[in-house]
Amino acid sequence: MTVTRCAKVTVTFIIGEMKNLEKEIQLEYIRASGPGGQNVNKVATAVQLRFDVTNSPSLAADIKARLIKLAGKRMTDDGVLIIEASKFRTQEKNREDAIERLNELVKKASEKPKLRHKTKPTKASKEERLKGKKKRGEIKKMRGDRQGFE
């Protein structure tokens, strides 16, 4: 496997507080599997984006925690997020795709989840539930009092 590293990458992020993220991203170019003919064995078009979430000074602690949870299997034991992009046949498009996917993940992780407000069951729903239980109990009670069938 041939790995090429990119020295300088221009990355545009949607969220303003993450301007420093472009310095923390590592892009590696690897050979992609799939269609491409003879070219697939010569050119490293797939992109492997690495972003160290746990050691990132650009992200707040709560965003890091949500990002780790959202990343799932893409997160290594060391806390590095790995995104592989090989959808397109060109390096540029795969790089843009990987960066866009990271951007979407960070954007989703930066949204605070809604707090759940506890609700109490209404009086009518309680009565309905008890009525159903009572009816079921009566049906079961009738099963035991069968005389003359022994």
C-alpha atoms as a PDB file:
ATOM      1  CA  MET A   1       0.000   0.000   0.000  1.00  0.00           C
ATOM      2  CA  THR A   2       1.420   3.362  -1.018  1.00  0.00           C
ATOM      3  CA  VAL A   3       0.724   6.250   1.314  1.00  0.00           C
ATOM      4  CA  THR A   4       1.228   9.855   0.290  1.00  0.00           C
ATOM      5  CA  ARG A   5       0.924  12.726   2.725  1.00  0.00           C
ATOM      6  CA  CYS A   6      -0.419  16.154   1.944  1.00  0.00           C
ATOM      7  CA  ALA A   7       1.573  19.073   3.349  1.00  0.00           C
ATOM      8  CA  LYS A   8      -0.919  21.963   3.129  1.00  0.00           C
ATOM      9  CA  VAL A   9      -4.652  21.620   2.719  1.00  0.00           C
ATOM     10  CA  THR A  10      -7.153  24.433   2.531  1.00  0.00           C
ATOM     11  CA  VAL A  11     -10.179  23.465   4.593  1.00  0.00           C
ATOM     12  CA  THR A  12     -13.318  25.525   5.006  1.00  0.00           C
ATOM     13  CA  PHE A  13     -15.488  24.826   8.029  1.00  0.00           C
ATOM     14  CA  ILE A  14     -19.017  26.020   8.544  1.00  0.00           C
ATOM     15  CA  ILE A  15     -18.786  26.659  12.278  1.00  0.00           C
ATOM     16  CA  GLY A  16     -16.642  29.696  13.133  1.00  0.00           C
ATOM     17  CA  GLU A  17     -15.075  28.359  16.344  1.00  0.00           C
ATOM     18  CA  MET A  18     -13.350  25.528  14.461  1.00  0.00           C
ATOM     19  CA  LYS A  19     -10.958  27.568  12.338  1.00  0.00           C
ATOM     20  CA  ASN A  20      -7.970  25.846  13.955  1.00  0.00           C
ATOM     21  CA  LEU A  21      -9.220  22.396  12.944  1.00  0.00           C
ATOM     22  CA  GLU A  22      -7.490  22.522   9.563  1.00  0.00           C
ATOM     23  CA  LYS A  23      -4.117  22.361  11.331  1.00  0.00           C
ATOM     24  CA  GLU A  24      -5.213  19.286  13.282  1.00  0.00           C
ATOM     25  CA  ILE A  25      -6.325  17.223  10.280  1.00  0.00           C
ATOM     26  CA  GLN A  26      -4.006  14.677   8.695  1.00  0.00           C
ATOM     27  CA  LEU A  27      -4.834  13.476   5.197  1.00  0.00           C
ATOM     28  CA  GLU A  28      -3.340  10.310   3.742  1.00  0.00           C
ATOM     29  CA  TYR A  29      -3.864   9.175   0.172  1.00  0.00           C
ATOM     30  CA  ILE A  30      -4.218   5.445  -0.327  1.00  0.00           C
ATOM     31  CA  ARG A  31      -5.105   3.193  -3.219  1.00  0.00           C
ATOM     32  CA  ALA A  32      -8.829   2.711  -3.554  1.00  0.00           C
ATOM     33  CA  SER A  33     -10.580  -0.526  -4.361  1.00  0.00           C
ATOM     34  CA  GLY A  34     -13.388  -0.718  -6.887  1.00  0.00           C
ATOM     35  CA  PRO A  35     -13.805   0.682 -10.403  1.00  0.00           C
ATOM     36  CA  GLY A  36     -11.051   2.588 -12.155  1.00  0.00           C
ATOM     37  CA  GLY A  37      -9.552   0.121 -14.588  1.00  0.00           C
ATOM     38  CA  GLN A  38      -5.779  -0.057 -14.827  1.00  0.00           C
ATOM     39  CA  ASN A  39      -5.508   3.349 -13.184  1.00  0.00           C
ATOM     40  CA  VAL A  40      -6.683   1.949  -9.835  1.00  0.00           C
ATOM     41  CA  ASN A  41      -3.349   0.162  -9.317  1.00  0.00           C
ATOM     42  CA  LYS A  42      -1.227   3.224 -10.068  1.00  0.00           C
ATOM     43  CA  VAL A  43      -2.892   6.226  -8.435  1.00  0.00           C
ATOM     44  CA  ALA A  44      -3.713   6.756  -4.746  1.00  0.00           C
ATOM     45  CA  THR A  45      -7.138   8.403  -5.019  1.00  0.00           C
ATOM     46  CA  ALA A  46      -8.790   7.313  -1.778  1.00  0.00           C
ATOM     47  CA  VAL A  47      -8.423   9.660   1.178  1.00  0.00           C
ATOM     48  CA  GLN A  48      -8.021   8.679   4.808  1.00  0.00           C
ATOM     49  CA  LEU A  49      -8.686  11.653   7.077  1.00  0.00           C
ATOM     50  CA  ARG A  50      -7.381  11.452  10.654  1.00  0.00           C
ATOM     51  CA  PHE A  51      -8.497  13.828  13.374  1.00  0.00           C
ATOM     52  CA  ASP A  52      -7.319  13.470  16.991  1.00  0.00           C
ATOM     53  CA  VAL A  53     -10.503  14.258  18.894  1.00  0.00           C
ATOM     54  CA  THR A  54      -9.255  13.671  22.441  1.00  0.00           C
ATOM     55  CA  ASN A  55      -6.219  15.963  22.093  1.00  0.00           C
ATOM     56  CA  SER A  56      -7.917  18.662  20.042  1.00  0.00           C
ATOM     57  CA  PRO A  57      -7.683  22.119  21.661  1.00  0.00           C
ATOM     58  CA  SER A  58     -10.279  23.501  19.219  1.00  0.00           C
ATOM     59  CA  LEU A  59     -13.240  21.524  20.555  1.00  0.00           C
ATOM     60  CA  ALA A  60     -15.011  21.925  23.871  1.00  0.00           C
ATOM     61  CA  ALA A  61     -15.215  18.900  26.182  1.00  0.00           C
ATOM     62  CA  ASP A  62     -18.963  18.363  25.685  1.00  0.00           C
ATOM     63  CA  ILE A  63     -18.578  18.474  21.881  1.00  0.00           C
ATOM     64  CA  LYS A  64     -15.702  15.976  22.095  1.00  0.00           C
ATOM     65  CA  ALA A  65     -17.840  13.570  24.136  1.00  0.00           C
ATOM     66  CA  ARG A  66     -20.746  13.777  21.687  1.00  0.00           C
ATOM     67  CA  LEU A  67     -18.386  13.443  18.707  1.00  0.00           C
ATOM     68  CA  ILE A  68     -16.820  10.292  20.157  1.00  0.00           C
ATOM     69  CA  LYS A  69     -20.296   8.838  20.683  1.00  0.00           C
ATOM     70  CA  LEU A  70     -21.427   9.782  17.153  1.00  0.00           C
ATOM     71  CA  ALA A  71     -18.277   8.433  15.490  1.00  0.00           C
ATOM     72  CA  GLY A  72     -18.825   4.877  16.706  1.00  0.00           C
ATOM     73  CA  LYS A  73     -16.542   2.386  14.909  1.00  0.00           C
ATOM     74  CA  ARG A  74     -14.679   5.164  13.109  1.00  0.00           C
ATOM     75  CA  MET A  75     -13.007   6.120  16.419  1.00  0.00           C
ATOM     76  CA  THR A  76      -9.779   4.322  17.406  1.00  0.00           C
ATOM     77  CA  ASP A  77      -8.816   3.374  20.969  1.00  0.00           C
ATOM     78  CA  ASP A  78      -6.422   6.350  21.001  1.00  0.00           C
ATOM     79  CA  GLY A  79      -9.281   8.783  20.321  1.00  0.00           C
ATOM     80  CA  VAL A  80      -8.453   9.385  16.663  1.00  0.00           C
ATOM     81  CA  LEU A  81     -11.361   9.730  14.246  1.00  0.00           C
ATOM     82  CA  ILE A  82     -10.704   8.061  10.883  1.00  0.00           C
ATOM     83  CA  ILE A  83     -12.854   8.906   7.878  1.00  0.00           C
ATOM     84  CA  GLU A  84     -12.168   7.092   4.609  1.00  0.00           C
ATOM     85  CA  ALA A  85     -13.462   8.522   1.352  1.00  0.00           C
ATOM     86  CA  SER A  86     -13.190   6.582  -1.892  1.00  0.00           C
ATOM     87  CA  LYS A  87     -16.540   7.352  -3.496  1.00  0.00           C
ATOM     88  CA  PHE A  88     -15.065   9.402  -6.323  1.00  0.00           C
ATOM     89  CA  ARG A  89     -12.312   8.655  -8.834  1.00  0.00           C
ATOM     90  CA  THR A  90     -10.302  11.810  -8.141  1.00  0.00           C
ATOM     91  CA  GLN A  91      -8.214  12.744  -5.126  1.00  0.00           C
ATOM     92  CA  GLU A  92      -9.682  16.246  -4.909  1.00  0.00           C
ATOM     93  CA  LYS A  93     -13.296  15.106  -4.748  1.00  0.00           C
ATOM     94  CA  ASN A  94     -12.494  12.398  -2.214  1.00  0.00           C
ATOM     95  CA  ARG A  95     -10.633  14.955  -0.074  1.00  0.00           C
ATOM     96  CA  GLU A  96     -13.612  17.326  -0.214  1.00  0.00           C
ATOM     97  CA  ASP A  97     -15.953  14.445   0.620  1.00  0.00           C
ATOM     98  CA  ALA A  98     -13.891  13.409   3.678  1.00  0.00           C
ATOM     99  CA  ILE A  99     -13.663  16.990   4.957  1.00  0.00           C
ATOM    100  CA  GLU A 100     -17.385  17.511   4.396  1.00  0.00           C
ATOM    101  CA  ARG A 101     -18.176  14.335   6.348  1.00  0.00           C
ATOM    102  CA  LEU A 102     -15.958  15.476   9.239  1.00  0.00           C
ATOM    103  CA  ASN A 103     -17.648  18.865   9.092  1.00  0.00           C
ATOM    104  CA  GLU A 104     -21.108  17.250   9.287  1.00  0.00           C
ATOM    105  CA  LEU A 105     -20.055  15.087  12.243  1.00  0.00           C
ATOM    106  CA  VAL A 106     -18.651  18.047  14.186  1.00  0.00           C
ATOM    107  CA  LYS A 107     -21.697  20.133  13.321  1.00  0.00           C
ATOM    108  CA  LYS A 108     -24.028  17.392  14.563  1.00  0.00           C
ATOM    109  CA  ALA A 109     -21.928  16.935  17.729  1.00  0.00           C
ATOM    110  CA  SER A 110     -22.036  20.668  18.479  1.00  0.00           C
ATOM    111  CA  GLU A 111     -25.845  20.639  18.663  1.00  0.00           C
ATOM    112  CA  LYS A 112     -26.910  20.247  22.270  1.00  0.00           C
ATOM    113  CA  PRO A 113     -29.502  17.502  22.764  1.00  0.00           C
ATOM    114  CA  LYS A 114     -32.937  18.516  23.960  1.00  0.00           C
ATOM    115  CA  LEU A 115     -33.644  17.826  27.609  1.00  0.00           C
ATOM    116  CA  ARG A 116     -36.506  15.453  28.282  1.00  0.00           C
ATOM    117  CA  HIS A 117     -39.288  16.885  30.430  1.00  0.00           C
ATOM    118  CA  LYS A 118     -41.014  14.354  32.637  1.00  0.00           C
ATOM    119  CA  THR A 119     -44.764  14.142  32.174  1.00  0.00           C
ATOM    120  CA  LYS A 120     -47.401  12.572  34.357  1.00  0.00           C
ATOM    121  CA  PRO A 121     -50.135  10.359  32.966  1.00  0.00           C
ATOM    122  CA  THR A 122     -53.543  12.037  32.825  1.00  0.00           C
ATOM    123  CA  LYS A 123     -56.386  10.989  35.104  1.00  0.00           C
ATOM    124  CA  ALA A 124     -58.318   9.585  32.127  1.00  0.00           C
ATOM    125  CA  SER A 125     -55.359   7.436  31.010  1.00  0.00           C
ATOM    126  CA  LYS A 126     -54.923   6.087  34.557  1.00  0.00           C
ATOM    127  CA  GLU A 127     -58.620   5.162  34.728  1.00  0.00           C
ATOM    128  CA  GLU A 128     -58.451   3.553  31.276  1.00  0.00           C
ATOM    129  CA  ARG A 129     -55.455   1.470  32.339  1.00  0.00           C
ATOM    130  CA  LEU A 130     -57.123   0.352  35.560  1.00  0.00           C
ATOM    131  CA  LYS A 131     -60.336  -0.506  33.689  1.00  0.00           C
ATOM    132  CA  GLY A 132     -58.349  -2.690  31.286  1.00  0.00           C
ATOM    133  CA  LYS A 133     -56.572  -4.422  34.170  1.00  0.00           C
ATOM    134  CA  LYS A 134     -59.867  -5.033  35.932  1.00  0.00           C
ATOM    135  CA  LYS A 135     -61.421  -6.508  32.777  1.00  0.00           C
ATOM    136  CA  ARG A 136     -58.417  -8.783  32.210  1.00  0.00           C
ATOM    137  CA  GLY A 137     -58.539  -9.889  35.850  1.00  0.00           C
ATOM    138  CA  GLU A 138     -62.221 -10.815  35.485  1.00  0.00           C
ATOM    139  CA  ILE A 139     -61.470 -12.909  32.375  1.00  0.00           C
ATOM    140  CA  LYS A 140     -58.718 -14.760  34.213  1.00  0.00           C
ATOM    141  CA  LYS A 141     -60.912 -15.232  37.272  1.00  0.00           C
ATOM    142  CA  MET A 142     -63.578 -16.928  35.181  1.00  0.00           C
ATOM    143  CA  ARG A 143     -61.054 -19.471  33.896  1.00  0.00           C
ATOM    144  CA  GLY A 144     -60.575 -20.980  37.358  1.00  0.00           C
ATOM    145  CA  ASP A 145     -64.248 -21.348  38.332  1.00  0.00           C
ATOM    146  CA  ARG A 146     -65.210 -23.958  35.761  1.00  0.00           C
ATOM    147  CA  GLN A 147     -67.366 -26.522  37.520  1.00  0.00           C
ATOM    148  CA  GLY A 148     -68.510 -29.742  36.004  1.00  0.00           C
ATOM    149  CA  PHE A 149     -65.658 -30.018  33.537  1.00  0.00           C
ATOM    150  CA  GLU A 150     -63.304 -32.121  35.640  1.00  0.00           C
END
